[in-house]
Amino acid sequence: MFDQYIDTFSQAKWDAVDDFWHTPGWFATGSESIHLADDVAVQSLYRDLLQQLRQDGYSHSDLIDSELEFFNASCALLRISYTRWNRDGEVMPPVVRKANYLLLEKDGRWGINTMISVDSSQS
């Protein structure tokens, strides 16, 4: 599921990324925490985020590492590190980015409930 999410994000398919979420949820960065009430809120957030990244020259993201920790049969924490690339084939600083995802299983389907971007200065 998560590999498909990364591929969908890298292809800037903001209108499909909500398929990987269970809402209501949260999207948190070092500067803000955004409540995602429903699929429309997820699509809006990703549309704006991907538009800004594309303006900055973003091409795609590559997953470097992931660590999955299960809390119970329907709740897991996924810690990832990844790299963003620009259209010129260069890494967009910081070279290694980190994020934590709370994943929930609902109705037989795993999905993201919360994403917390970890500032590189905190890692």
C-alpha atoms as a PDB file:
ATOM      1  CA  MET A   1       0.000   0.000   0.000  1.00  0.00           C
ATOM      2  CA  PHE A   2       2.711   2.468   0.946  1.00  0.00           C
ATOM      3  CA  ASP A   3       4.771   1.894  -2.208  1.00  0.00           C
ATOM      4  CA  GLN A   4       1.656   2.702  -4.237  1.00  0.00           C
ATOM      5  CA  TYR A   5       1.149   5.858  -2.157  1.00  0.00           C
ATOM      6  CA  ILE A   6       4.747   7.009  -2.869  1.00  0.00           C
ATOM      7  CA  ASP A   7       4.261   6.286  -6.596  1.00  0.00           C
ATOM      8  CA  THR A   8       0.975   8.214  -6.647  1.00  0.00           C
ATOM      9  CA  PHE A   9       2.613  11.154  -4.853  1.00  0.00           C
ATOM     10  CA  SER A  10       5.622  11.121  -7.200  1.00  0.00           C
ATOM     11  CA  GLN A  11       3.311  11.162 -10.209  1.00  0.00           C
ATOM     12  CA  ALA A  12       1.509  14.179  -8.683  1.00  0.00           C
ATOM     13  CA  LYS A  13      -1.836  12.396  -8.762  1.00  0.00           C
ATOM     14  CA  TRP A  14      -3.314  14.602  -6.048  1.00  0.00           C
ATOM     15  CA  ASP A  15      -6.825  13.497  -6.984  1.00  0.00           C
ATOM     16  CA  ALA A  16      -5.986   9.834  -6.228  1.00  0.00           C
ATOM     17  CA  VAL A  17      -3.902  10.162  -3.065  1.00  0.00           C
ATOM     18  CA  ASP A  18      -7.013  10.198  -0.867  1.00  0.00           C
ATOM     19  CA  ASP A  19      -7.419   6.490  -1.710  1.00  0.00           C
ATOM     20  CA  PHE A  20      -4.535   5.856   0.712  1.00  0.00           C
ATOM     21  CA  TRP A  21      -6.062   7.784   3.629  1.00  0.00           C
ATOM     22  CA  HIS A  22      -8.606   7.038   6.348  1.00  0.00           C
ATOM     23  CA  THR A  23     -10.208  10.311   7.378  1.00  0.00           C
ATOM     24  CA  PRO A  24     -10.657  12.194   9.564  1.00  0.00           C
ATOM     25  CA  GLY A  25      -6.911  12.490  10.026  1.00  0.00           C
ATOM     26  CA  TRP A  26      -3.978  14.850  10.457  1.00  0.00           C
ATOM     27  CA  PHE A  27      -1.091  16.115   8.340  1.00  0.00           C
ATOM     28  CA  ALA A  28       1.602  17.725  10.476  1.00  0.00           C
ATOM     29  CA  THR A  29       4.823  19.503   9.585  1.00  0.00           C
ATOM     30  CA  GLY A  30       7.257  21.411  11.746  1.00  0.00           C
ATOM     31  CA  SER A  31       5.253  24.584  11.198  1.00  0.00           C
ATOM     32  CA  GLU A  32       1.615  23.462  11.158  1.00  0.00           C
ATOM     33  CA  SER A  33      -0.897  20.733  11.836  1.00  0.00           C
ATOM     34  CA  ILE A  34      -3.752  20.371   9.366  1.00  0.00           C
ATOM     35  CA  HIS A  35      -6.973  18.520  10.173  1.00  0.00           C
ATOM     36  CA  LEU A  36      -8.138  16.428   7.225  1.00  0.00           C
ATOM     37  CA  ALA A  37     -11.867  16.021   7.739  1.00  0.00           C
ATOM     38  CA  ASP A  38     -12.589  14.074   4.556  1.00  0.00           C
ATOM     39  CA  ASP A  39     -11.314  13.017   1.121  1.00  0.00           C
ATOM     40  CA  VAL A  40     -11.910  16.503  -0.284  1.00  0.00           C
ATOM     41  CA  ALA A  41      -9.570  17.973   2.358  1.00  0.00           C
ATOM     42  CA  VAL A  42      -6.901  15.353   1.526  1.00  0.00           C
ATOM     43  CA  GLN A  43      -7.113  16.141  -2.195  1.00  0.00           C
ATOM     44  CA  SER A  44      -6.967  19.891  -1.565  1.00  0.00           C
ATOM     45  CA  LEU A  45      -3.911  19.573   0.685  1.00  0.00           C
ATOM     46  CA  TYR A  46      -2.017  17.385  -1.777  1.00  0.00           C
ATOM     47  CA  ARG A  47      -3.009  19.523  -4.772  1.00  0.00           C
ATOM     48  CA  ASP A  48      -1.541  22.595  -3.055  1.00  0.00           C
ATOM     49  CA  LEU A  49       1.537  20.726  -1.789  1.00  0.00           C
ATOM     50  CA  LEU A  50       2.323  19.143  -5.154  1.00  0.00           C
ATOM     51  CA  GLN A  51       1.732  22.424  -6.989  1.00  0.00           C
ATOM     52  CA  GLN A  52       4.290  24.124  -4.728  1.00  0.00           C
ATOM     53  CA  LEU A  53       6.775  21.263  -5.111  1.00  0.00           C
ATOM     54  CA  ARG A  54       6.426  21.356  -8.912  1.00  0.00           C
ATOM     55  CA  GLN A  55       7.087  25.113  -8.866  1.00  0.00           C
ATOM     56  CA  ASP A  56      10.247  24.330  -6.878  1.00  0.00           C
ATOM     57  CA  GLY A  57      11.371  21.886  -9.594  1.00  0.00           C
ATOM     58  CA  TYR A  58      10.225  18.633  -7.952  1.00  0.00           C
ATOM     59  CA  SER A  59      10.385  15.468 -10.055  1.00  0.00           C
ATOM     60  CA  HIS A  60       9.769  12.505  -7.724  1.00  0.00           C
ATOM     61  CA  SER A  61      10.485  10.912  -4.340  1.00  0.00           C
ATOM     62  CA  ASP A  62      12.436   7.750  -3.548  1.00  0.00           C
ATOM     63  CA  LEU A  63      11.897   5.750  -0.386  1.00  0.00           C
ATOM     64  CA  ILE A  64      15.258   5.110   1.318  1.00  0.00           C
ATOM     65  CA  ASP A  65      14.180   3.110   4.345  1.00  0.00           C
ATOM     66  CA  SER A  66      11.077   2.163   6.274  1.00  0.00           C
ATOM     67  CA  GLU A  67      10.454   0.646   9.685  1.00  0.00           C
ATOM     68  CA  LEU A  68       7.039  -0.763  10.543  1.00  0.00           C
ATOM     69  CA  GLU A  69       5.939  -1.181  14.151  1.00  0.00           C
ATOM     70  CA  PHE A  70       2.584  -2.801  14.916  1.00  0.00           C
ATOM     71  CA  PHE A  71       0.631  -1.715  17.971  1.00  0.00           C
ATOM     72  CA  ASN A  72      -2.176  -4.205  17.383  1.00  0.00           C
ATOM     73  CA  ALA A  73      -3.934  -5.941  14.504  1.00  0.00           C
ATOM     74  CA  SER A  74      -5.376  -2.706  13.114  1.00  0.00           C
ATOM     75  CA  CYS A  75      -2.897   0.032  14.068  1.00  0.00           C
ATOM     76  CA  ALA A  76       0.727   0.501  13.014  1.00  0.00           C
ATOM     77  CA  LEU A  77       3.418   3.160  12.979  1.00  0.00           C
ATOM     78  CA  LEU A  78       5.546   3.476   9.856  1.00  0.00           C
ATOM     79  CA  ARG A  79       8.766   5.484  10.056  1.00  0.00           C
ATOM     80  CA  ILE A  80      10.291   6.362   6.703  1.00  0.00           C
ATOM     81  CA  SER A  81      13.245   8.179   5.267  1.00  0.00           C
ATOM     82  CA  TYR A  82      13.122   9.410   1.693  1.00  0.00           C
ATOM     83  CA  THR A  83      14.726  11.709  -0.834  1.00  0.00           C
ATOM     84  CA  ARG A  84      13.099  14.233  -3.148  1.00  0.00           C
ATOM     85  CA  TRP A  85      14.599  14.753  -6.611  1.00  0.00           C
ATOM     86  CA  ASN A  86      14.289  17.748  -8.897  1.00  0.00           C
ATOM     87  CA  ARG A  87      13.796  17.681 -12.669  1.00  0.00           C
ATOM     88  CA  ASP A  88      17.554  18.180 -13.224  1.00  0.00           C
ATOM     89  CA  GLY A  89      18.319  14.890 -11.462  1.00  0.00           C
ATOM     90  CA  GLU A  90      19.652  16.580  -8.325  1.00  0.00           C
ATOM     91  CA  VAL A  91      18.561  15.863  -4.757  1.00  0.00           C
ATOM     92  CA  MET A  92      16.404  18.573  -3.217  1.00  0.00           C
ATOM     93  CA  PRO A  93      17.861  19.465   0.213  1.00  0.00           C
ATOM     94  CA  PRO A  94      17.764  18.085   2.772  1.00  0.00           C
ATOM     95  CA  VAL A  95      19.209  14.928   1.246  1.00  0.00           C
ATOM     96  CA  VAL A  96      17.370  12.680   3.706  1.00  0.00           C
ATOM     97  CA  ARG A  97      13.867  13.548   4.864  1.00  0.00           C
ATOM     98  CA  LYS A  98      11.903  11.678   7.499  1.00  0.00           C
ATOM     99  CA  ALA A  99       8.250  11.183   8.281  1.00  0.00           C
ATOM    100  CA  ASN A 100       6.102   9.078  10.572  1.00  0.00           C
ATOM    101  CA  TYR A 101       2.768   7.655   9.482  1.00  0.00           C
ATOM    102  CA  LEU A 102       0.022   6.260  11.662  1.00  0.00           C
ATOM    103  CA  LEU A 103      -1.677   3.528   9.644  1.00  0.00           C
ATOM    104  CA  LEU A 104      -5.089   2.114  10.491  1.00  0.00           C
ATOM    105  CA  GLU A 105      -6.920  -0.910   9.155  1.00  0.00           C
ATOM    106  CA  LYS A 106     -10.609  -0.236   8.578  1.00  0.00           C
ATOM    107  CA  ASP A 107     -13.036  -2.495   6.759  1.00  0.00           C
ATOM    108  CA  GLY A 108     -10.193  -4.748   5.587  1.00  0.00           C
ATOM    109  CA  ARG A 109      -8.136  -1.890   4.113  1.00  0.00           C
ATOM    110  CA  TRP A 110      -5.021  -0.232   5.506  1.00  0.00           C
ATOM    111  CA  GLY A 111      -4.772   3.529   5.172  1.00  0.00           C
ATOM    112  CA  ILE A 112      -2.918   6.551   6.476  1.00  0.00           C
ATOM    113  CA  ASN A 113      -4.589   8.366   9.344  1.00  0.00           C
ATOM    114  CA  THR A 114      -1.796  10.730  10.367  1.00  0.00           C
ATOM    115  CA  MET A 115       1.407  11.951   8.709  1.00  0.00           C
ATOM    116  CA  ILE A 116       4.036  13.748  10.755  1.00  0.00           C
ATOM    117  CA  SER A 117       6.976  15.238   8.898  1.00  0.00           C
ATOM    118  CA  VAL A 118      10.120  15.053  11.024  1.00  0.00           C
ATOM    119  CA  ASP A 119      12.381  18.088  10.684  1.00  0.00           C
ATOM    120  CA  SER A 120      15.876  16.975   9.615  1.00  0.00           C
ATOM    121  CA  SER A 121      17.386  18.980  12.469  1.00  0.00           C
ATOM    122  CA  GLN A 122      15.456  16.753  14.920  1.00  0.00           C
ATOM    123  CA  SER A 123      16.655  13.456  13.477  1.00  0.00           C
END
